[in-house]
C-alpha atoms as a PDB file:
ATOM      1  CA  UNK A   1     -12.917 -24.629 -19.437  1.00  0.00           C
ATOM      2  CA  UNK A   2     -16.053 -22.817 -18.398  1.00  0.00           C
ATOM      3  CA  UNK A   3     -16.339 -19.050 -18.328  1.00  0.00           C
ATOM      4  CA  UNK A   4     -18.388 -17.576 -15.603  1.00  0.00           C
ATOM      5  CA  UNK A   5     -19.706 -14.106 -15.054  1.00  0.00           C
ATOM      6  CA  UNK A   6     -17.408 -11.933 -12.957  1.00  0.00           C
ATOM      7  CA  UNK A   7     -18.337 -11.966  -9.271  1.00  0.00           C
ATOM      8  CA  UNK A   8     -19.096  -8.892  -6.925  1.00  0.00           C
ATOM      9  CA  UNK A   9     -16.499  -9.425  -4.378  1.00  0.00           C
ATOM     10  CA  UNK A  10     -16.007  -7.056  -1.410  1.00  0.00           C
ATOM     11  CA  UNK A  11     -13.215  -6.681   1.146  1.00  0.00           C
ATOM     12  CA  UNK A  12      -9.581  -6.317   1.485  1.00  0.00           C
ATOM     13  CA  UNK A  13      -6.742  -8.802   0.852  1.00  0.00           C
ATOM     14  CA  UNK A  14      -3.262  -8.441   2.042  1.00  0.00           C
ATOM     15  CA  UNK A  15      -1.164 -10.062  -0.652  1.00  0.00           C
ATOM     16  CA  UNK A  16       2.363 -10.915  -0.056  1.00  0.00           C
ATOM     17  CA  UNK A  17       3.650  -9.806  -3.589  1.00  0.00           C
ATOM     18  CA  UNK A  18       6.390 -11.969  -4.901  1.00  0.00           C
ATOM     19  CA  UNK A  19       9.583 -10.758  -6.472  1.00  0.00           C
ATOM     20  CA  UNK A  20       9.876 -10.385 -10.148  1.00  0.00           C
ATOM     21  CA  UNK A  21       6.390  -9.168 -11.204  1.00  0.00           C
ATOM     22  CA  UNK A  22       4.752  -5.753 -11.117  1.00  0.00           C
ATOM     23  CA  UNK A  23       2.092  -4.823  -8.658  1.00  0.00           C
ATOM     24  CA  UNK A  24      -0.438  -4.489 -11.508  1.00  0.00           C
ATOM     25  CA  UNK A  25       0.608  -8.079 -12.701  1.00  0.00           C
ATOM     26  CA  UNK A  26       0.017  -9.315  -9.091  1.00  0.00           C
ATOM     27  CA  UNK A  27      -3.495  -7.616  -8.955  1.00  0.00           C
ATOM     28  CA  UNK A  28      -4.525  -9.122 -12.250  1.00  0.00           C
ATOM     29  CA  UNK A  29      -3.464 -12.742 -11.105  1.00  0.00           C
ATOM     30  CA  UNK A  30      -5.400 -12.124  -7.894  1.00  0.00           C
ATOM     31  CA  UNK A  31      -8.573 -10.866  -9.718  1.00  0.00           C
ATOM     32  CA  UNK A  32      -8.532 -13.971 -11.943  1.00  0.00           C
ATOM     33  CA  UNK A  33      -8.276 -16.306  -9.037  1.00  0.00           C
ATOM     34  CA  UNK A  34     -11.196 -14.603  -7.202  1.00  0.00           C
ATOM     35  CA  UNK A  35     -13.066 -14.103 -10.624  1.00  0.00           C
ATOM     36  CA  UNK A  36     -13.656 -10.480  -9.263  1.00  0.00           C
ATOM     37  CA  UNK A  37     -15.394  -7.629 -11.095  1.00  0.00           C
ATOM     38  CA  UNK A  38     -13.548  -4.765  -9.500  1.00  0.00           C
ATOM     39  CA  UNK A  39     -10.262  -4.536  -7.522  1.00  0.00           C
ATOM     40  CA  UNK A  40      -7.338  -2.336  -7.230  1.00  0.00           C
ATOM     41  CA  UNK A  41      -4.131  -2.214  -5.249  1.00  0.00           C
ATOM     42  CA  UNK A  42      -2.783   0.435  -2.789  1.00  0.00           C
ATOM     43  CA  UNK A  43       0.822   1.643  -3.097  1.00  0.00           C
ATOM     44  CA  UNK A  44       2.979   0.412  -6.014  1.00  0.00           C
ATOM     45  CA  UNK A  45       5.834  -2.059  -5.325  1.00  0.00           C
ATOM     46  CA  UNK A  46       8.537  -2.294  -7.864  1.00  0.00           C
ATOM     47  CA  UNK A  47       9.121  -5.799  -9.462  1.00  0.00           C
ATOM     48  CA  UNK A  48      12.290  -6.118  -7.334  1.00  0.00           C
ATOM     49  CA  UNK A  49      10.259  -5.579  -4.065  1.00  0.00           C
ATOM     50  CA  UNK A  50       8.205  -8.145  -2.141  1.00  0.00           C
ATOM     51  CA  UNK A  51       5.840  -7.798   0.770  1.00  0.00           C
ATOM     52  CA  UNK A  52       2.515  -6.147   1.658  1.00  0.00           C
ATOM     53  CA  UNK A  53       0.396  -5.083  -1.220  1.00  0.00           C
ATOM     54  CA  UNK A  54      -3.118  -4.197  -0.021  1.00  0.00           C
ATOM     55  CA  UNK A  55      -5.799  -5.225  -2.643  1.00  0.00           C
ATOM     56  CA  UNK A  56      -9.249  -3.612  -2.195  1.00  0.00           C
ATOM     57  CA  UNK A  57     -12.265  -5.415  -3.865  1.00  0.00           C
ATOM     58  CA  UNK A  58     -15.530  -3.865  -4.751  1.00  0.00           C
ATOM     59  CA  UNK A  59     -16.985  -1.540  -2.240  1.00  0.00           C
ATOM     60  CA  UNK A  60     -13.702  -1.479  -0.315  1.00  0.00           C
ATOM     61  CA  UNK A  61     -12.147   0.471  -3.153  1.00  0.00           C
ATOM     62  CA  UNK A  62     -14.172   3.530  -1.968  1.00  0.00           C
ATOM     63  CA  UNK A  63     -11.976   3.761   1.055  1.00  0.00           C
ATOM     64  CA  UNK A  64      -8.568   2.669  -0.357  1.00  0.00           C
ATOM     65  CA  UNK A  65      -7.291   6.198  -0.591  1.00  0.00           C
ATOM     66  CA  UNK A  66      -7.195   6.175   3.282  1.00  0.00           C
ATOM     67  CA  UNK A  67      -4.421   3.559   2.993  1.00  0.00           C
ATOM     68  CA  UNK A  68      -2.621   5.543   0.396  1.00  0.00           C
ATOM     69  CA  UNK A  69      -2.138   8.201   3.051  1.00  0.00           C
ATOM     70  CA  UNK A  70      -0.827   5.953   5.697  1.00  0.00           C
ATOM     71  CA  UNK A  71       2.742   5.305   6.954  1.00  0.00           C
ATOM     72  CA  UNK A  72       4.818   2.388   5.493  1.00  0.00           C
ATOM     73  CA  UNK A  73       7.526   0.185   6.940  1.00  0.00           C
ATOM     74  CA  UNK A  74      10.263  -1.462   4.947  1.00  0.00           C
ATOM     75  CA  UNK A  75      13.243  -3.836   5.244  1.00  0.00           C
ATOM     76  CA  UNK A  76      15.967  -2.732   2.852  1.00  0.00           C
ATOM     77  CA  UNK A  77      19.426  -4.068   1.829  1.00  0.00           C
ATOM     78  CA  UNK A  78      21.728  -1.845  -0.361  1.00  0.00           C
ATOM     79  CA  UNK A  79      24.934  -2.528  -2.097  1.00  0.00           C
ATOM     80  CA  UNK A  80      27.511   0.151  -1.560  1.00  0.00           C
ATOM     81  CA  UNK A  81      30.137   1.279  -4.037  1.00  0.00           C
ATOM     82  CA  UNK A  82      27.971   1.142  -7.085  1.00  0.00           C
ATOM     83  CA  UNK A  83      25.487   3.565  -8.540  1.00  0.00           C
ATOM     84  CA  UNK A  84      22.914   2.151 -10.959  1.00  0.00           C
ATOM     85  CA  UNK A  85      20.587   3.825 -13.587  1.00  0.00           C
ATOM     86  CA  UNK A  86      17.455   2.831 -11.764  1.00  0.00           C
ATOM     87  CA  UNK A  87      18.787   3.029  -8.266  1.00  0.00           C
ATOM     88  CA  UNK A  88      18.300  -0.703  -7.760  1.00  0.00           C
ATOM     89  CA  UNK A  89      19.862  -3.966  -9.024  1.00  0.00           C
ATOM     90  CA  UNK A  90      17.445  -4.077 -11.980  1.00  0.00           C
ATOM     91  CA  UNK A  91      19.427  -1.167 -13.684  1.00  0.00           C
ATOM     92  CA  UNK A  92      23.034  -1.069 -15.088  1.00  0.00           C
ATOM     93  CA  UNK A  93      25.905   0.093 -13.002  1.00  0.00           C
ATOM     94  CA  UNK A  94      26.789   3.659 -14.121  1.00  0.00           C
ATOM     95  CA  UNK A  95      29.499   4.435 -11.540  1.00  0.00           C
ATOM     96  CA  UNK A  96      31.744   2.648  -9.251  1.00  0.00           C
ATOM     97  CA  UNK A  97      33.627   4.298  -6.224  1.00  0.00           C
ATOM     98  CA  UNK A  98      35.499   3.067  -3.223  1.00  0.00           C
ATOM     99  CA  UNK A  99      33.929   2.649   0.175  1.00  0.00           C
ATOM    100  CA  UNK A 100      35.904   4.983   2.554  1.00  0.00           C
ATOM    101  CA  UNK A 101      33.512   6.187   5.187  1.00  0.00           C
ATOM    102  CA  UNK A 102      33.661   5.069   8.861  1.00  0.00           C
ATOM    103  CA  UNK A 103      30.786   4.232  11.263  1.00  0.00           C
ATOM    104  CA  UNK A 104      30.422   7.818  12.626  1.00  0.00           C
ATOM    105  CA  UNK A 105      30.048   9.041   9.069  1.00  0.00           C
ATOM    106  CA  UNK A 106      27.418   6.404   8.327  1.00  0.00           C
ATOM    107  CA  UNK A 107      25.347   7.154  11.528  1.00  0.00           C
ATOM    108  CA  UNK A 108      25.525  10.976  10.913  1.00  0.00           C
ATOM    109  CA  UNK A 109      24.566  10.526   7.228  1.00  0.00           C
ATOM    110  CA  UNK A 110      21.549   8.348   8.091  1.00  0.00           C
ATOM    111  CA  UNK A 111      20.476  10.766  10.821  1.00  0.00           C
ATOM    112  CA  UNK A 112      20.361  13.546   8.335  1.00  0.00           C
ATOM    113  CA  UNK A 113      17.396  11.821   6.481  1.00  0.00           C
ATOM    114  CA  UNK A 114      15.203  11.500   9.659  1.00  0.00           C
ATOM    115  CA  UNK A 115      12.335  14.015   9.861  1.00  0.00           C
ATOM    116  CA  UNK A 116      10.702  16.082   7.100  1.00  0.00           C
ATOM    117  CA  UNK A 117      12.881  16.066   4.016  1.00  0.00           C
ATOM    118  CA  UNK A 118      12.523  16.925   0.272  1.00  0.00           C
ATOM    119  CA  UNK A 119      12.854  14.052  -2.128  1.00  0.00           C
ATOM    120  CA  UNK A 120      13.256  14.044  -5.969  1.00  0.00           C
ATOM    121  CA  UNK A 121      11.318  11.066  -7.343  1.00  0.00           C
ATOM    122  CA  UNK A 122      13.400   8.754  -9.694  1.00  0.00           C
ATOM    123  CA  UNK A 123      12.722   8.841 -13.414  1.00  0.00           C
ATOM    124  CA  UNK A 124      11.995   5.079 -12.870  1.00  0.00           C
ATOM    125  CA  UNK A 125       8.763   5.724 -10.962  1.00  0.00           C
ATOM    126  CA  UNK A 126       5.146   5.414 -11.658  1.00  0.00           C
ATOM    127  CA  UNK A 127       4.572   9.265 -11.300  1.00  0.00           C
ATOM    128  CA  UNK A 128       2.742  10.461 -14.261  1.00  0.00           C
ATOM    129  CA  UNK A 129       3.736  13.324 -16.584  1.00  0.00           C
ATOM    130  CA  UNK A 130       1.409  14.203 -19.409  1.00  0.00           C
ATOM    131  CA  UNK A 131      -0.507  10.949 -18.746  1.00  0.00           C
ATOM    132  CA  UNK A 132       2.349   8.560 -18.951  1.00  0.00           C
ATOM    133  CA  UNK A 133       4.489   7.154 -16.097  1.00  0.00           C
ATOM    134  CA  UNK A 134       7.945   8.598 -15.827  1.00  0.00           C
ATOM    135  CA  UNK A 135       9.618   5.165 -16.208  1.00  0.00           C
ATOM    136  CA  UNK A 136       8.312   5.069 -19.935  1.00  0.00           C
ATOM    137  CA  UNK A 137      10.169   8.257 -20.657  1.00  0.00           C
ATOM    138  CA  UNK A 138      13.279   6.927 -18.778  1.00  0.00           C
ATOM    139  CA  UNK A 139      13.301   3.805 -20.927  1.00  0.00           C
ATOM    140  CA  UNK A 140      13.461   5.994 -24.028  1.00  0.00           C
ATOM    141  CA  UNK A 141      16.456   7.802 -22.560  1.00  0.00           C
ATOM    142  CA  UNK A 142      14.318  10.983 -21.877  1.00  0.00           C
ATOM    143  CA  UNK A 143      14.774  13.043 -18.636  1.00  0.00           C
ATOM    144  CA  UNK A 144      11.699  14.881 -17.512  1.00  0.00           C
ATOM    145  CA  UNK A 145      12.039  17.831 -15.080  1.00  0.00           C
ATOM    146  CA  UNK A 146      10.511  16.869 -11.657  1.00  0.00           C
ATOM    147  CA  UNK A 147       9.530  18.672  -8.521  1.00  0.00           C
ATOM    148  CA  UNK A 148      10.763  17.607  -5.142  1.00  0.00           C
ATOM    149  CA  UNK A 149       8.185  16.230  -2.713  1.00  0.00           C
ATOM    150  CA  UNK A 150       8.043  16.638   1.085  1.00  0.00           C
ATOM    151  CA  UNK A 151       8.110  13.244   2.830  1.00  0.00           C
ATOM    152  CA  UNK A 152       8.630  12.260   6.401  1.00  0.00           C
ATOM    153  CA  UNK A 153      11.216   9.628   7.509  1.00  0.00           C
ATOM    154  CA  UNK A 154       9.901   8.820  10.991  1.00  0.00           C
ATOM    155  CA  UNK A 155      12.718   6.257  11.917  1.00  0.00           C
ATOM    156  CA  UNK A 156      15.684   4.394  10.415  1.00  0.00           C
ATOM    157  CA  UNK A 157      16.643   1.454  12.669  1.00  0.00           C
ATOM    158  CA  UNK A 158      18.442  -1.893  13.125  1.00  0.00           C
ATOM    159  CA  UNK A 159      21.243  -0.528  10.857  1.00  0.00           C
ATOM    160  CA  UNK A 160      23.952  -3.183  10.038  1.00  0.00           C
ATOM    161  CA  UNK A 161      26.752  -2.788   7.695  1.00  0.00           C
ATOM    162  CA  UNK A 162      29.018  -5.649   6.557  1.00  0.00           C
ATOM    163  CA  UNK A 163      31.708  -4.974   3.915  1.00  0.00           C
ATOM    164  CA  UNK A 164      29.803  -3.575   0.900  1.00  0.00           C
ATOM    165  CA  UNK A 165      26.319  -4.149   2.054  1.00  0.00           C
ATOM    166  CA  UNK A 166      24.193  -2.093   4.441  1.00  0.00           C
ATOM    167  CA  UNK A 167      20.827  -3.176   5.957  1.00  0.00           C
ATOM    168  CA  UNK A 168      18.185  -1.441   7.790  1.00  0.00           C
ATOM    169  CA  UNK A 169      14.427  -0.935   8.479  1.00  0.00           C
ATOM    170  CA  UNK A 170      12.644   2.340   7.859  1.00  0.00           C
ATOM    171  CA  UNK A 171       9.314   3.803   8.870  1.00  0.00           C
ATOM    172  CA  UNK A 172       8.196   6.460   6.529  1.00  0.00           C
ATOM    173  CA  UNK A 173       5.237   8.546   5.061  1.00  0.00           C
ATOM    174  CA  UNK A 174       3.321   8.052   1.806  1.00  0.00           C
ATOM    175  CA  UNK A 175       5.067   8.971  -1.257  1.00  0.00           C
ATOM    176  CA  UNK A 176       8.622   7.942  -0.059  1.00  0.00           C
ATOM    177  CA  UNK A 177      10.812   6.219  -2.734  1.00  0.00           C
ATOM    178  CA  UNK A 178      13.234   3.923  -0.967  1.00  0.00           C
ATOM    179  CA  UNK A 179      15.351   3.506  -4.057  1.00  0.00           C
ATOM    180  CA  UNK A 180      15.827   7.296  -4.258  1.00  0.00           C
ATOM    181  CA  UNK A 181      16.632   7.468  -0.422  1.00  0.00           C
ATOM    182  CA  UNK A 182      19.302   4.754  -1.014  1.00  0.00           C
ATOM    183  CA  UNK A 183      20.752   6.650  -3.841  1.00  0.00           C
ATOM    184  CA  UNK A 184      20.809   9.812  -1.845  1.00  0.00           C
ATOM    185  CA  UNK A 185      22.581   8.054   1.025  1.00  0.00           C
ATOM    186  CA  UNK A 186      25.109   6.733  -1.379  1.00  0.00           C
ATOM    187  CA  UNK A 187      25.953  10.094  -2.413  1.00  0.00           C
ATOM    188  CA  UNK A 188      26.223  11.425   1.195  1.00  0.00           C
ATOM    189  CA  UNK A 189      28.637   8.524   1.933  1.00  0.00           C
ATOM    190  CA  UNK A 190      30.549   9.366  -1.175  1.00  0.00           C
ATOM    191  CA  UNK A 191      30.607   5.833  -2.615  1.00  0.00           C
ATOM    192  CA  UNK A 192      27.145   5.467  -4.274  1.00  0.00           C
ATOM    193  CA  UNK A 193      24.601   2.726  -3.424  1.00  0.00           C
ATOM    194  CA  UNK A 194      21.658   0.828  -4.944  1.00  0.00           C
ATOM    195  CA  UNK A 195      18.882  -1.337  -3.587  1.00  0.00           C
ATOM    196  CA  UNK A 196      19.268  -5.075  -3.858  1.00  0.00           C
ATOM    197  CA  UNK A 197      16.565  -6.236  -1.497  1.00  0.00           C
ATOM    198  CA  UNK A 198      13.322  -4.469  -0.553  1.00  0.00           C
ATOM    199  CA  UNK A 199      10.428  -5.863   1.444  1.00  0.00           C
ATOM    200  CA  UNK A 200       7.392  -3.872   2.663  1.00  0.00           C
ATOM    201  CA  UNK A 201       6.580  -5.018   6.173  1.00  0.00           C
ATOM    202  CA  UNK A 202       3.680  -2.886   7.033  1.00  0.00           C
ATOM    203  CA  UNK A 203       0.970  -0.483   5.723  1.00  0.00           C
ATOM    204  CA  UNK A 204      -0.952   1.512   8.223  1.00  0.00           C
ATOM    205  CA  UNK A 205      -1.662  -0.869  11.224  1.00  0.00           C
ATOM    206  CA  UNK A 206      -1.635  -4.136   9.172  1.00  0.00           C
ATOM    207  CA  UNK A 207       0.971  -6.547  10.409  1.00  0.00           C
ATOM    208  CA  UNK A 208       3.269  -8.800   8.368  1.00  0.00           C
ATOM    209  CA  UNK A 209       1.725 -12.039   9.758  1.00  0.00           C
ATOM    210  CA  UNK A 210      -1.634 -11.264   8.051  1.00  0.00           C
ATOM    211  CA  UNK A 211      -0.213 -11.660   4.469  1.00  0.00           C
ATOM    212  CA  UNK A 212      -1.582 -14.052   1.918  1.00  0.00           C
ATOM    213  CA  UNK A 213       0.754 -15.452  -0.579  1.00  0.00           C
ATOM    214  CA  UNK A 214      -0.065 -16.201  -4.339  1.00  0.00           C
ATOM    215  CA  UNK A 215       1.161 -19.841  -4.061  1.00  0.00           C
ATOM    216  CA  UNK A 216      -1.346 -20.353  -1.175  1.00  0.00           C
ATOM    217  CA  UNK A 217      -4.173 -18.985  -3.432  1.00  0.00           C
ATOM    218  CA  UNK A 218      -3.202 -21.322  -6.259  1.00  0.00           C
ATOM    219  CA  UNK A 219      -3.007 -24.286  -3.895  1.00  0.00           C
ATOM    220  CA  UNK A 220      -6.619 -23.462  -2.695  1.00  0.00           C
ATOM    221  CA  UNK A 221      -7.507 -23.300  -6.495  1.00  0.00           C
ATOM    222  CA  UNK A 222      -5.893 -26.699  -7.306  1.00  0.00           C
ATOM    223  CA  UNK A 223      -7.368 -28.398  -4.313  1.00  0.00           C
ATOM    224  CA  UNK A 224     -10.907 -27.459  -5.224  1.00  0.00           C
ATOM    225  CA  UNK A 225     -12.873 -27.667  -8.455  1.00  0.00           C
ATOM    226  CA  UNK A 226     -12.985 -24.131  -9.743  1.00  0.00           C
ATOM    227  CA  UNK A 227     -16.676 -24.730 -10.563  1.00  0.00           C
ATOM    228  CA  UNK A 228     -17.321 -25.535  -6.921  1.00  0.00           C
ATOM    229  CA  UNK A 229     -18.875 -22.721  -4.904  1.00  0.00           C
ATOM    230  CA  UNK A 230     -16.968 -23.980  -1.894  1.00  0.00           C
ATOM    231  CA  UNK A 231     -13.783 -22.748  -3.358  1.00  0.00           C
ATOM    232  CA  UNK A 232     -15.007 -19.159  -3.633  1.00  0.00           C
ATOM    233  CA  UNK A 233     -16.361 -19.412   0.046  1.00  0.00           C
ATOM    234  CA  UNK A 234     -12.796 -20.450   1.094  1.00  0.00           C
ATOM    235  CA  UNK A 235     -11.053 -17.569  -0.638  1.00  0.00           C
ATOM    236  CA  UNK A 236     -13.581 -15.006   0.193  1.00  0.00           C
ATOM    237  CA  UNK A 237     -13.132 -16.046   3.896  1.00  0.00           C
ATOM    238  CA  UNK A 238      -9.544 -14.717   3.503  1.00  0.00           C
ATOM    239  CA  UNK A 239     -10.890 -11.216   3.017  1.00  0.00           C
ATOM    240  CA  UNK A 240     -10.977  -8.519   5.617  1.00  0.00           C
ATOM    241  CA  UNK A 241     -14.207  -6.442   6.133  1.00  0.00           C
ATOM    242  CA  UNK A 242     -15.222  -3.676   3.560  1.00  0.00           C
ATOM    243  CA  UNK A 243     -14.359  -0.978   6.153  1.00  0.00           C
ATOM    244  CA  UNK A 244     -11.027  -2.381   7.014  1.00  0.00           C
ATOM    245  CA  UNK A 245      -9.065   0.587   5.403  1.00  0.00           C
ATOM    246  CA  UNK A 246     -10.850   2.936   7.713  1.00  0.00           C
ATOM    247  CA  UNK A 247     -10.769   0.724  10.849  1.00  0.00           C
ATOM    248  CA  UNK A 248      -8.888   3.581  12.588  1.00  0.00           C
ATOM    249  CA  UNK A 249     -11.954   5.811  12.597  1.00  0.00           C
ATOM    250  CA  UNK A 250     -14.521   5.511  15.480  1.00  0.00           C
ATOM    251  CA  UNK A 251     -17.715   3.611  14.857  1.00  0.00           C
ATOM    252  CA  UNK A 252     -21.263   4.414  15.800  1.00  0.00           C
ATOM    253  CA  UNK A 253     -24.238   1.883  15.607  1.00  0.00           C
ATOM    254  CA  UNK A 254     -27.632   3.066  14.528  1.00  0.00           C
ATOM    255  CA  UNK A 255     -31.085   1.441  14.914  1.00  0.00           C
ATOM    256  CA  UNK A 256     -32.666  -0.276  11.878  1.00  0.00           C
ATOM    257  CA  UNK A 257     -34.888   2.639  11.107  1.00  0.00           C
ATOM    258  CA  UNK A 258     -32.054   5.319  11.389  1.00  0.00           C
ATOM    259  CA  UNK A 259     -29.806   3.002   9.339  1.00  0.00           C
ATOM    260  CA  UNK A 260     -32.391   2.867   6.616  1.00  0.00           C
ATOM    261  CA  UNK A 261     -32.737   6.645   6.497  1.00  0.00           C
ATOM    262  CA  UNK A 262     -28.932   7.004   6.512  1.00  0.00           C
ATOM    263  CA  UNK A 263     -28.504   4.557   3.685  1.00  0.00           C
ATOM    264  CA  UNK A 264     -30.990   6.573   1.647  1.00  0.00           C
ATOM    265  CA  UNK A 265     -28.700   9.604   2.096  1.00  0.00           C
ATOM    266  CA  UNK A 266     -30.664  11.422   4.744  1.00  0.00           C
ATOM    267  CA  UNK A 267     -29.131  13.152   7.695  1.00  0.00           C
ATOM    268  CA  UNK A 268     -29.701  11.525  10.904  1.00  0.00           C
ATOM    269  CA  UNK A 269     -30.160  13.176  14.423  1.00  0.00           C
ATOM    270  CA  UNK A 270     -28.316  11.586  17.336  1.00  0.00           C
ATOM    271  CA  UNK A 271     -29.433  11.447  20.811  1.00  0.00           C
ATOM    272  CA  UNK A 272     -25.992  11.814  22.397  1.00  0.00           C
ATOM    273  CA  UNK A 273     -23.029  14.075  21.837  1.00  0.00           C
ATOM    274  CA  UNK A 274     -20.153  12.791  19.712  1.00  0.00           C
ATOM    275  CA  UNK A 275     -16.962  14.639  18.635  1.00  0.00           C
ATOM    276  CA  UNK A 276     -17.292  16.182  15.201  1.00  0.00           C
ATOM    277  CA  UNK A 277     -15.562  14.311  12.330  1.00  0.00           C
ATOM    278  CA  UNK A 278     -15.705  11.176  10.266  1.00  0.00           C
ATOM    279  CA  UNK A 279     -17.162   7.855  11.678  1.00  0.00           C
ATOM    280  CA  UNK A 280     -17.955   4.431  10.502  1.00  0.00           C
ATOM    281  CA  UNK A 281     -21.623   3.769  10.546  1.00  0.00           C
ATOM    282  CA  UNK A 282     -22.965   0.237  11.604  1.00  0.00           C
ATOM    283  CA  UNK A 283     -26.397  -1.038  11.549  1.00  0.00           C
ATOM    284  CA  UNK A 284     -27.459  -2.628  14.834  1.00  0.00           C
ATOM    285  CA  UNK A 285     -27.085  -6.117  13.242  1.00  0.00           C
ATOM    286  CA  UNK A 286     -23.393  -5.223  12.872  1.00  0.00           C
ATOM    287  CA  UNK A 287     -23.587  -4.518   9.148  1.00  0.00           C
ATOM    288  CA  UNK A 288     -21.355  -1.623   7.913  1.00  0.00           C
ATOM    289  CA  UNK A 289     -23.358   0.847   5.881  1.00  0.00           C
ATOM    290  CA  UNK A 290     -21.005   3.678   5.129  1.00  0.00           C
ATOM    291  CA  UNK A 291     -19.003   6.565   6.251  1.00  0.00           C
ATOM    292  CA  UNK A 292     -20.604   9.520   8.047  1.00  0.00           C
ATOM    293  CA  UNK A 293     -19.647  12.789   9.193  1.00  0.00           C
ATOM    294  CA  UNK A 294     -20.751  14.106  12.695  1.00  0.00           C
ATOM    295  CA  UNK A 295     -21.500  17.872  12.738  1.00  0.00           C
ATOM    296  CA  UNK A 296     -22.397  20.052  15.685  1.00  0.00           C
ATOM    297  CA  UNK A 297     -22.185  16.862  17.884  1.00  0.00           C
ATOM    298  CA  UNK A 298     -25.640  15.740  17.011  1.00  0.00           C
ATOM    299  CA  UNK A 299     -26.019  15.490  13.205  1.00  0.00           C
ATOM    300  CA  UNK A 300     -24.860  12.526  11.244  1.00  0.00           C
ATOM    301  CA  UNK A 301     -24.446  13.390   7.508  1.00  0.00           C
ATOM    302  CA  UNK A 302     -23.749  10.610   5.018  1.00  0.00           C
ATOM    303  CA  UNK A 303     -20.375  10.948   3.573  1.00  0.00           C
ATOM    304  CA  UNK A 304     -19.605   7.841   1.590  1.00  0.00           C
ATOM    305  CA  UNK A 305     -22.184   5.024   1.398  1.00  0.00           C
ATOM    306  CA  UNK A 306     -21.692   1.466   0.237  1.00  0.00           C
ATOM    307  CA  UNK A 307     -24.027  -0.551  -1.913  1.00  0.00           C
ATOM    308  CA  UNK A 308     -26.739  -2.265  -0.033  1.00  0.00           C
ATOM    309  CA  UNK A 309     -25.635  -5.578  -1.796  1.00  0.00           C
ATOM    310  CA  UNK A 310     -22.167  -5.430  -0.403  1.00  0.00           C
ATOM    311  CA  UNK A 311     -21.032  -8.163   1.888  1.00  0.00           C
ATOM    312  CA  UNK A 312     -19.712  -7.349   5.379  1.00  0.00           C
END
C-alpha cells in the first residue's frame, strides 16, 4: 500500500449518510476516499439518521456557514406510547403510556408547533457546554441547564398515523432538533413518542436526487487502481462548484484586469448600478474568484476571496 500526499480538493459533495455511523465518521471515510487535505460537513445527523449531509472540500469550506443558516426538510417516523432517554430508538424506554388521543387532537397538537417556537435542545445533542458536547455529559448521567432556542417550523405535512406509528414530513429552520420535536409532540398527545426513522431530504435548495452514496464511492474505488489518476478525476467530477453553497446570491462578471485587481483585495469600480449587498464574483472566463460586497451601487469590495489555485 502506497501513501500519497493529501490532495487539495475543492467543491461540494452531497453525501447520502448511511444509518449507524456518526456524521464525523462519514466525513472521515469520504476524506480518505478523496485523499483530501481539508473537508468539513454541514449540519450534524445522528447515527440513527440518514440522508443529505453536505461535505465541503477545501475553498468551499469558506462558504459552508451559509448552508448552516438554511432550511432543512426531513421525513420522520415516530413510535407512540414510549418515551426514551435519547428521544429516539437508540435510547432506553423510560416511560410507557396508552395511546388515547383522536385524529382531531393529533392535528391540533401538530398545528401548535407550526410557526416560531421555543425549543429546549436535548442533552443528547452536539451543542457544546464548557468545550464538551452535551451528549458526553448525558452519557455520564449529568444534566446541564440549557437555554431554549427560537426555531421556525415552516410546515408539517403528509401526516399519517397507523396504530402506534406516526409519519410525516417537516420543513424547518436551522437549529431544529427533530428528536426533541417528537418528544414534545408525544407529551402534548399524552402518550410519549420517540423517533425510529429519520431522513434528511433537503438542505437549502439541494434536492434528494443529487445525493452520492458511500457504496457508490467505494465501487468507483474498487473499479479503479487507487494509484491511477483517472480515479481521482472520476470522483472529483462528482463535486459541485466551490461557490455552490452561495449559489442563491447574484453573480457579476468582471474583466480579466478587474478580476486581477479584485483578487488582490482591491476595491473595484463598476460601470453600472447594482443593488447593494453580497454577490458572487466571476472572472470573464467563468472562473469564480470570491465573494464581494456592492456598496453605493458602484463599488465592489472584496468580502471573501478564494485561493488562486482552487479549482472551479
